[in-house]
Amino acid sequence: MDRDQLRTIQAPLKQRYLTDPASALVTLRAEGTLGENATGLAVCSGDMLLQALVACAGVTVGAVATALGVQMNGGAVTAEGDLDFRGTLGVARNVPVGFKEIRLSISLDTNATSSQREKLLALTERYCVVYQTLLNGSKMSITL
């Protein structure tokens, strides 16, 4: 997809969201089934969070590059985070549950100039939903 195709696809959405802001609010949903595999040993939720960040950043940098007309020939996105399992396992109450720090790295195979790369990074940071949610937090609730 090139820049013009992306703009053609996005134009009616942007117009609708300008004239009817309520239509821009969409509730996304994920669900899972509990059972024998819900022991916590099959996969680490921290890994899943980092994978979500990597996927979102990858999609976002690709869309931003397209919107800016920057040719990308490939690249890689990596996220790593420091997690102290003493908090998660209840070993030490003074240790918070969750990541202490997360580092996101994007390497691009592109001929983009230095200023284009800076713009790609800034706009990816600004528009990546998972990055912004982790950075700024979100109102949360839980029910049973």
Protein backbone atom coordinates (compact mmCIF):
# COMPACT_ATOMS: atom_id res chain seq x y z
CA MET A 1 0.00 0.00 0.00
CA ASP A 2 1.30 3.47 -0.79
CA ARG A 3 0.63 6.82 0.87
CA ASP A 4 -2.26 7.75 -1.44
CA GLN A 5 -4.01 4.42 -0.90
CA LEU A 6 -3.65 4.77 2.87
CA ARG A 7 -5.05 8.30 2.80
CA THR A 8 -7.97 7.15 0.62
CA ILE A 9 -8.83 4.44 3.13
CA GLN A 10 -8.43 6.69 6.17
CA ALA A 11 -10.15 9.83 4.79
CA PRO A 12 -13.79 8.76 5.33
CA LEU A 13 -12.97 7.47 8.81
CA LYS A 14 -11.24 10.69 9.80
CA GLN A 15 -14.14 12.75 8.45
CA ARG A 16 -16.72 10.66 10.31
CA TYR A 17 -14.73 10.91 13.55
CA LEU A 18 -14.50 14.71 13.14
CA THR A 19 -18.23 15.13 12.58
CA ASP A 20 -19.31 12.39 15.02
CA PRO A 21 -16.67 11.99 17.75
CA ALA A 22 -18.71 9.33 19.55
CA SER A 23 -18.32 7.01 16.55
CA ALA A 24 -14.56 6.93 17.15
CA LEU A 25 -14.97 5.15 20.49
CA VAL A 26 -14.77 1.41 19.85
CA THR A 27 -14.75 -1.27 22.53
CA LEU A 28 -12.25 -4.02 21.75
CA ARG A 29 -12.57 -7.37 23.46
CA ALA A 30 -10.40 -10.34 24.22
CA GLU A 31 -11.41 -13.46 26.07
CA GLY A 32 -9.97 -16.73 27.20
CA THR A 33 -11.11 -19.99 28.69
CA LEU A 34 -9.97 -21.20 32.09
CA GLY A 35 -9.14 -24.83 32.64
CA GLU A 36 -6.28 -27.24 33.06
CA ASN A 37 -3.89 -24.99 31.12
CA ALA A 38 -4.54 -21.98 33.39
CA THR A 39 -1.74 -22.83 35.78
CA GLY A 40 0.48 -19.95 34.71
CA LEU A 41 3.20 -22.37 33.63
CA ALA A 42 2.30 -22.53 29.92
CA VAL A 43 3.22 -18.97 28.99
CA CYS A 44 4.33 -15.88 30.88
CA SER A 45 1.91 -12.97 30.79
CA GLY A 46 4.92 -10.65 30.73
CA ASP A 47 6.03 -12.23 27.46
CA MET A 48 2.55 -11.70 26.04
CA LEU A 49 2.59 -8.04 27.06
CA LEU A 50 5.96 -7.51 25.36
CA GLN A 51 4.72 -9.32 22.23
CA ALA A 52 1.67 -7.03 22.12
CA LEU A 53 3.98 -4.02 22.34
CA VAL A 54 6.23 -5.37 19.57
CA ALA A 55 3.25 -6.10 17.31
CA CYS A 56 1.67 -2.70 17.88
CA ALA A 57 4.92 -0.80 17.35
CA GLY A 58 5.60 -2.78 14.17
CA VAL A 59 2.19 -2.06 12.70
CA THR A 60 2.40 1.58 13.75
CA VAL A 61 5.88 2.27 12.34
CA GLY A 62 4.79 0.64 9.07
CA ALA A 63 1.66 2.78 8.83
CA VAL A 64 3.60 5.94 9.75
CA ALA A 65 6.25 5.17 7.12
CA THR A 66 3.52 4.69 4.52
CA ALA A 67 1.82 7.93 5.52
CA LEU A 68 5.11 9.82 5.28
CA GLY A 69 6.09 8.18 2.00
CA VAL A 70 9.18 6.59 3.54
CA GLN A 71 10.24 3.36 1.83
CA MET A 72 10.94 0.53 4.26
CA ASN A 73 12.60 -2.68 3.11
CA GLY A 74 12.19 -4.45 6.43
CA GLY A 75 13.43 -4.21 9.96
CA ALA A 76 12.90 -5.61 13.43
CA VAL A 77 11.16 -4.59 16.63
CA THR A 78 12.39 -5.81 20.00
CA ALA A 79 11.00 -5.26 23.48
CA GLU A 80 12.63 -6.34 26.69
CA GLY A 81 11.56 -5.67 30.22
CA ASP A 82 12.82 -6.16 33.75
CA LEU A 83 10.38 -8.10 35.90
CA ASP A 84 11.07 -9.11 39.52
CA PHE A 85 9.07 -12.29 40.10
CA ARG A 86 9.25 -11.90 43.87
CA GLY A 87 6.30 -9.52 43.59
CA THR A 88 4.27 -11.73 41.26
CA LEU A 89 4.82 -14.84 43.39
CA GLY A 90 4.13 -13.03 46.66
CA VAL A 91 7.62 -13.71 47.98
CA ALA A 92 8.25 -10.08 48.93
CA ARG A 93 5.34 -7.71 49.57
CA ASN A 94 7.57 -4.66 49.08
CA VAL A 95 8.34 -5.67 45.47
CA PRO A 96 5.78 -4.33 42.99
CA VAL A 97 4.00 -6.68 40.61
CA GLY A 98 4.80 -5.74 37.02
CA PHE A 99 7.66 -4.51 34.93
CA LYS A 100 10.15 -2.15 36.50
CA GLU A 101 11.36 -0.97 33.08
CA ILE A 102 10.54 -1.77 29.45
CA ARG A 103 12.83 -0.97 26.53
CA LEU A 104 11.54 -0.90 22.96
CA SER A 105 13.94 -0.93 20.03
CA ILE A 106 13.11 -0.54 16.35
CA SER A 107 15.69 -1.13 13.64
CA LEU A 108 14.77 -0.25 10.09
CA ASP A 109 16.13 -1.25 6.72
CA THR A 110 15.46 2.01 4.95
CA ASN A 111 17.16 4.84 3.10
CA ALA A 112 15.31 7.38 5.26
CA THR A 113 17.24 10.47 6.25
CA SER A 114 18.10 11.20 9.85
CA SER A 115 15.21 13.66 10.15
CA GLN A 116 12.79 11.16 8.60
CA ARG A 117 13.94 8.52 11.10
CA GLU A 118 13.37 10.95 13.97
CA LYS A 119 9.87 11.68 12.65
CA LEU A 120 9.14 7.94 12.28
CA LEU A 121 10.20 7.35 15.87
CA ALA A 122 8.26 10.32 17.27
CA LEU A 123 5.06 9.42 15.42
CA THR A 124 5.34 5.73 16.27
CA GLU A 125 5.70 6.66 19.93
CA ARG A 126 2.72 9.01 19.65
CA TYR A 127 0.33 6.65 17.85
CA CYS A 128 1.23 3.17 19.15
CA VAL A 129 -1.77 2.24 21.31
CA VAL A 130 0.05 -0.31 23.48
CA TYR A 131 3.06 1.97 24.01
CA GLN A 132 0.87 4.92 25.01
CA THR A 133 -1.27 2.77 27.31
CA LEU A 134 1.80 1.41 29.09
CA LEU A 135 3.41 4.85 29.24
CA ASN A 136 0.38 6.76 30.53
CA GLY A 137 -1.72 4.09 32.17
CA SER A 138 -5.41 3.48 31.73
CA LYS A 139 -8.39 3.42 34.05
CA MET A 140 -8.83 -0.23 35.00
CA SER A 141 -11.48 -2.33 36.70
CA ILE A 142 -11.95 -6.01 37.48
CA THR A 143 -15.09 -7.96 38.30
CA LEU A 144 -15.87 -11.50 39.38
